[in-house]
Protein backbone atom coordinates (compact mmCIF):
# COMPACT_ATOMS: atom_id res chain seq x y z
CA MET A 1 -95.91 5.97 98.25
CA LYS A 2 -96.99 9.52 98.95
CA SER A 3 -95.06 12.12 96.99
CA SER A 4 -94.85 14.35 100.07
CA LEU A 5 -92.40 11.97 101.74
CA PRO A 6 -88.83 13.26 102.00
CA TYR A 7 -86.65 11.81 99.22
CA CYS A 8 -84.31 9.96 101.63
CA LEU A 9 -87.26 8.40 103.46
CA SER A 10 -88.77 7.30 100.15
CA LEU A 11 -85.50 5.53 99.37
CA LEU A 12 -85.42 4.00 102.82
CA LEU A 13 -88.88 2.55 102.58
CA GLY A 14 -88.33 0.59 99.42
CA VAL A 15 -88.32 2.71 96.26
CA ALA A 16 -84.64 1.98 95.57
CA SER A 17 -81.46 0.66 97.14
CA LEU A 18 -78.02 1.92 96.15
CA SER A 19 -75.16 -0.55 96.20
CA ALA A 20 -71.45 0.13 95.97
CA CYS A 21 -71.06 0.60 92.24
CA ALA A 22 -74.56 0.52 90.79
CA GLN A 23 -78.23 0.76 91.59
CA SER A 24 -79.94 -2.54 92.24
CA PRO A 25 -83.61 -3.41 92.68
CA ALA A 26 -85.09 -3.91 96.12
CA PRO A 27 -85.55 -7.58 97.05
CA GLU A 28 -88.90 -9.28 96.59
CA ARG A 29 -91.10 -8.87 99.63
CA ALA A 30 -92.61 -11.79 101.46
CA ASN A 31 -96.13 -11.46 102.82
CA GLY A 32 -97.70 -12.66 106.01
CA GLY A 33 -94.54 -13.62 107.90
CA LYS A 34 -94.71 -13.61 111.67
CA GLY A 35 -91.89 -13.48 114.17
CA THR A 36 -91.16 -12.64 117.76
CA THR A 37 -89.92 -9.31 118.99
CA PRO A 38 -87.13 -8.45 118.44
CA ALA A 39 -86.19 -11.35 116.16
CA THR A 40 -86.15 -10.91 112.39
CA SER A 41 -88.87 -12.38 110.19
CA ALA A 42 -90.05 -12.35 106.59
CA ASP A 43 -92.46 -9.45 107.15
CA ALA A 44 -92.47 -7.98 110.67
CA PRO A 45 -91.95 -8.95 114.30
CA ALA A 46 -95.04 -10.07 116.20
CA VAL A 47 -96.26 -7.27 118.47
CA GLU A 48 -98.88 -7.10 121.20
CA ALA A 49 -101.87 -4.87 120.41
CA GLY A 50 -101.95 -1.52 122.19
CA THR A 51 -98.23 -1.43 122.94
CA PRO A 52 -95.66 1.14 121.78
CA ASP A 53 -94.25 -1.56 119.49
CA ALA A 54 -97.66 -2.00 117.86
CA ARG A 55 -98.07 1.75 117.43
CA ALA A 56 -94.60 2.01 115.89
CA LEU A 57 -95.38 -0.79 113.43
CA ALA A 58 -98.72 0.83 112.56
CA ALA A 59 -96.96 4.13 111.92
CA ILE A 60 -94.54 2.46 109.50
CA ARG A 61 -97.46 0.71 107.79
CA THR A 62 -99.21 4.04 107.16
CA ILE A 63 -96.20 5.04 105.05
CA ASN A 64 -95.88 1.72 103.23
CA GLU A 65 -97.94 -1.28 104.27
CA GLU A 66 -95.75 -3.63 102.21
CA ILE A 67 -92.49 -2.68 103.93
CA LYS A 68 -90.40 -5.40 105.55
CA VAL A 69 -89.66 -4.61 109.22
CA ASP A 70 -86.80 -6.59 110.72
CA ARG A 71 -86.79 -5.40 114.31
CA ILE A 72 -88.76 -3.31 116.79
CA ALA A 73 -87.32 -2.66 120.25
CA ALA A 74 -86.92 0.02 122.89
CA ALA A 75 -84.76 2.88 121.61
CA PRO A 76 -81.88 4.42 123.56
CA LEU A 77 -83.85 7.66 123.13
CA PRO A 78 -86.54 7.90 125.87
CA GLY A 79 -90.09 7.93 124.52
CA PHE A 80 -89.17 6.25 121.21
CA ARG A 81 -89.06 2.79 119.68
CA GLU A 82 -86.22 1.69 117.43
CA VAL A 83 -87.31 0.15 114.12
CA VAL A 84 -84.91 -1.49 111.67
CA VAL A 85 -86.14 -1.34 108.08
CA GLY A 86 -84.13 -2.36 105.03
CA GLY A 87 -80.83 -2.08 106.85
CA GLN A 88 -81.66 1.39 108.17
CA VAL A 89 -82.76 2.58 111.61
CA LEU A 90 -85.87 4.68 112.30
CA TYR A 91 -87.06 6.05 115.62
CA VAL A 92 -90.83 6.21 116.17
CA SER A 93 -92.37 7.97 119.15
CA ASP A 94 -94.22 5.70 121.59
CA ASP A 95 -97.54 7.25 120.54
CA GLY A 96 -96.79 6.48 116.88
CA ARG A 97 -96.99 10.11 115.77
CA TYR A 98 -93.39 11.10 115.11
CA LEU A 99 -90.76 9.35 113.01
CA VAL A 100 -87.09 10.31 113.03
CA GLN A 101 -84.54 9.07 110.53
CA GLY A 102 -80.82 9.47 111.15
CA THR A 103 -77.88 8.64 113.37
CA LEU A 104 -78.36 8.59 117.14
CA TYR A 105 -74.97 9.50 118.57
CA ASP A 106 -74.06 9.35 122.26
CA VAL A 107 -71.79 12.36 122.71
CA LYS A 108 -70.65 11.34 126.19
CA ASP A 109 -69.64 7.79 125.26
CA LYS A 110 -68.72 8.74 121.67
CA LYS A 111 -70.75 5.89 120.21
CA ASP A 112 -73.19 5.54 117.32
CA LEU A 113 -76.17 3.98 119.08
CA SER A 114 -77.97 3.41 115.77
CA GLN A 115 -75.51 0.60 115.01
CA VAL A 116 -76.53 -1.43 118.06
CA GLY A 117 -79.93 -2.49 116.70
CA LEU A 118 -78.50 -2.98 113.23
CA SER A 119 -75.85 -5.28 114.65
CA VAL A 120 -78.54 -7.46 116.21
CA VAL A 121 -80.35 -7.74 112.87
CA ARG A 122 -77.17 -8.48 110.93
CA ARG A 123 -76.21 -11.22 113.38
CA GLU A 124 -79.62 -12.85 113.14
CA LEU A 125 -79.63 -12.64 109.34
CA LEU A 126 -76.18 -14.23 109.11
CA ASP A 127 -77.34 -17.03 111.40
CA THR A 128 -79.84 -18.03 108.67
CA VAL A 129 -77.03 -18.79 106.20
CA PRO A 130 -75.73 -22.36 106.63
CA THR A 131 -71.97 -22.95 106.53
CA LYS A 132 -72.42 -25.16 103.48
CA ASP A 133 -73.77 -22.16 101.54
CA ARG A 134 -70.68 -20.04 102.18
CA ILE A 135 -67.37 -20.14 100.30
CA ILE A 136 -64.74 -20.36 103.02
CA PHE A 137 -61.04 -19.53 103.04
CA ALA A 138 -59.68 -20.21 106.52
CA PRO A 139 -56.44 -20.95 108.38
CA PRO A 140 -56.26 -24.12 110.53
CA SER A 141 -57.16 -22.35 113.79
CA PRO A 142 -58.62 -18.91 113.05
CA LYS A 143 -58.64 -16.21 115.69
CA TYR A 144 -61.52 -14.44 113.95
CA THR A 145 -64.00 -15.26 111.21
CA VAL A 146 -65.52 -12.59 108.99
CA ALA A 147 -68.50 -12.93 106.66
CA VAL A 148 -67.91 -10.95 103.47
CA PHE A 149 -70.64 -10.12 100.96
CA THR A 150 -68.79 -10.14 97.66
CA ASP A 151 -69.24 -9.58 93.94
CA VAL A 152 -67.05 -11.14 91.24
CA GLY A 153 -66.55 -7.87 89.36
CA CYS A 154 -66.06 -5.16 91.99
CA SER A 155 -62.47 -3.91 92.18
CA TYR A 156 -62.20 -3.88 95.98
CA CYS A 157 -63.70 -7.38 96.15
CA ARG A 158 -60.95 -8.54 93.81
CA LYS A 159 -58.28 -6.75 95.82
CA LEU A 160 -59.49 -8.40 99.03
CA HIS A 161 -59.43 -11.82 97.37
CA GLN A 162 -55.93 -11.30 95.98
CA GLU A 163 -54.81 -10.93 99.60
CA ILE A 164 -56.81 -13.86 100.96
CA ALA A 165 -53.69 -15.79 101.98
CA GLU A 166 -52.49 -12.81 104.01
CA TYR A 167 -55.87 -12.50 105.80
CA ASN A 168 -55.50 -16.17 106.72
CA LYS A 169 -51.94 -15.55 107.97
CA GLN A 170 -53.39 -12.83 110.19
CA GLY A 171 -55.62 -15.49 111.77
CA ILE A 172 -58.74 -14.32 109.93
CA ALA A 173 -61.09 -16.77 108.23
CA VAL A 174 -63.13 -15.29 105.38
CA GLU A 175 -66.59 -16.70 104.69
CA TYR A 176 -67.95 -15.34 101.41
CA LEU A 177 -71.62 -14.67 100.70
CA ALA A 178 -72.92 -13.64 97.29
CA PHE A 179 -74.01 -10.12 96.45
CA PRO A 180 -74.25 -9.56 92.67
CA ARG A 181 -74.41 -5.77 92.88
CA MET A 182 -76.03 -5.27 89.47
CA GLY A 183 -79.15 -7.18 90.52
CA VAL A 184 -80.87 -10.49 89.92
CA ALA A 185 -81.37 -9.96 86.17
CA SER A 186 -77.69 -9.20 85.51
CA GLU A 187 -74.80 -11.14 84.01
CA ASP A 188 -73.16 -10.65 87.40
CA PHE A 189 -75.92 -12.72 88.97
CA LYS A 190 -75.48 -15.53 86.41
CA LYS A 191 -71.73 -15.60 87.02
CA MET A 192 -72.23 -15.90 90.76
CA GLU A 193 -74.77 -18.69 90.26
CA ALA A 194 -72.17 -20.50 88.14
CA VAL A 195 -69.63 -20.08 90.95
CA TRP A 196 -71.99 -21.40 93.62
CA CYS A 197 -73.03 -24.30 91.36
CA SER A 198 -69.43 -25.35 90.68
CA GLN A 199 -68.05 -28.53 92.19
CA ASP A 200 -65.03 -26.55 93.45
CA ARG A 201 -66.52 -23.25 94.56
CA ARG A 202 -63.25 -21.85 95.91
CA LYS A 203 -61.50 -22.32 92.57
CA ALA A 204 -64.50 -21.03 90.63
CA LEU A 205 -64.69 -17.88 92.75
CA THR A 206 -60.97 -17.25 92.30
CA ASP A 207 -61.29 -17.81 88.55
CA ALA A 208 -64.29 -15.47 88.25
CA LYS A 209 -62.48 -12.71 90.15
CA ASN A 210 -59.55 -13.06 87.72
CA ASP A 211 -61.70 -12.96 84.57
CA ARG A 212 -61.13 -16.63 83.89
CA LYS A 213 -64.08 -18.48 82.45
CA VAL A 214 -66.36 -20.35 84.81
CA VAL A 215 -68.59 -22.88 83.07
CA ALA A 216 -72.16 -21.63 83.24
CA LYS A 217 -74.28 -23.91 85.41
CA GLN A 218 -77.63 -23.67 87.10
CA CYS A 219 -78.59 -25.54 90.24
CA LYS A 220 -80.45 -24.99 93.44
CA ASN A 221 -78.27 -22.27 94.96
CA PRO A 222 -78.35 -19.57 97.68
CA VAL A 223 -77.30 -16.57 95.55
CA ARG A 224 -80.69 -14.84 95.48
CA MET A 225 -81.26 -15.46 99.19
CA GLN A 226 -77.83 -14.09 100.11
CA TYR A 227 -78.38 -11.06 97.86
CA GLU A 228 -81.62 -10.27 99.68
CA ILE A 229 -80.01 -10.80 103.08
CA GLY A 230 -77.27 -8.35 102.10
CA GLN A 231 -79.84 -5.68 101.36
CA ARG A 232 -81.69 -6.32 104.61
CA ALA A 233 -78.37 -6.12 106.47
CA GLY A 234 -77.88 -2.56 105.21
CA LEU A 235 -75.34 -3.26 102.50
CA THR A 236 -74.19 -0.02 100.88
CA GLY A 237 -71.22 -1.43 99.00
CA THR A 238 -69.14 -4.48 98.28
CA PRO A 239 -67.14 -5.96 99.86
CA MET A 240 -69.30 -5.87 102.97
CA ILE A 241 -67.49 -7.32 106.00
CA ILE A 242 -69.52 -8.22 109.27
CA THR A 243 -68.39 -9.56 112.74
CA GLU A 244 -70.21 -12.40 114.54
CA SER A 245 -71.59 -9.68 116.78
CA GLY A 246 -72.93 -7.91 113.68
CA VAL A 247 -70.46 -5.01 113.60
CA GLN A 248 -69.93 -3.53 110.14
CA MET A 249 -66.45 -2.44 109.07
CA PRO A 250 -66.01 0.79 107.09
CA GLY A 251 -65.10 -0.85 103.76
CA TYR A 252 -62.17 -2.74 102.31
CA MET A 253 -59.36 -3.01 104.87
CA PRO A 254 -55.85 -4.41 104.28
CA PRO A 255 -55.16 -7.62 106.22
CA GLU A 256 -53.10 -6.02 109.00
CA ALA A 257 -55.62 -3.19 109.42
CA LEU A 258 -58.53 -5.62 109.62
CA ARG A 259 -56.72 -7.72 112.22
CA ALA A 260 -56.01 -4.59 114.28
CA ALA A 261 -59.65 -3.54 114.06
CA LEU A 262 -60.86 -6.97 115.14
CA ASP A 263 -58.41 -6.99 118.04
CA LYS A 264 -59.75 -3.59 119.12
CA LEU A 265 -63.37 -4.79 118.95
CA ALA A 266 -62.47 -7.92 120.91
CA ALA A 267 -60.82 -5.80 123.60
CA GLU A 268 -64.00 -3.73 123.79
CA GLY A 269 -66.11 -6.87 124.07
CA GLU A 270 -67.79 -6.43 120.67
CA ALA A 271 -66.22 -9.24 118.68
CA GLY A 272 -64.92 -12.71 119.26
CA PRO A 273 -63.98 -15.97 117.59
CA GLY A 274 -66.31 -16.58 114.64
CA ALA A 275 -67.08 -12.88 114.16
CA ALA A 276 -68.27 -11.65 110.77
CA VAL A 277 -67.17 -8.19 109.48
CA ALA A 278 -68.93 -5.88 106.92
CA GLY A 279 -67.91 -2.83 104.91
CA GLY A 280 -68.17 -1.28 101.44
CA HIS A 281 -66.68 1.05 98.83
């Protein structure tokens, strides 16, 4: 990485990733993956040579040829392509010369346009996680479903879980995914593996969040994969709550407030049954 890069851009392109309560290492990078624009892939979307998409990808590669690119598509800003990298949005000019990092805000419609592309990526990433790999707390007929990246130790994750029955009463199903915020070499990670390897995952998760012992077990489990997906989805803190349409919530929300927010999104056509919600503190 060239030292002349702005500090924030260096962070964005893989030097470090800051989670809610601690710094965690960037996920391992896969090489050689191919995909289709604008779908996500292990390495980068497939692009046609000589196109603005190809020039945008080449521009990113000149900064870091190992970087994982999740999406390239037309930007709302004329003359630019939108590139999603590590849960962040970049705008690259169609000729590949200029790169802009930051929020693209539509003043007229009062909308953060940068979240649109991110929502697509989050939705596609969540679609790769089978239901069997999630820990689910749901009412009989949920109005909404939210996917929540959680950690067993974070205080707001514990607070959310203490109110899980109330979220269910509000018609909200919670589908937990693992995000051990201290990284893959941490005790946190081992605890979450033990939870996901337990015969009764729901009980084990509740026990772990209440400092009750969970018998250490190892098995084939999705903790590392979900941790990496969380980073690619732009996780900045746990709990991260995401709607089926990929909308990220602004952090922990009490049950009634989350229901009101989901109702508002549904009325605006941005959420629906089965939605997943993300946020962080």
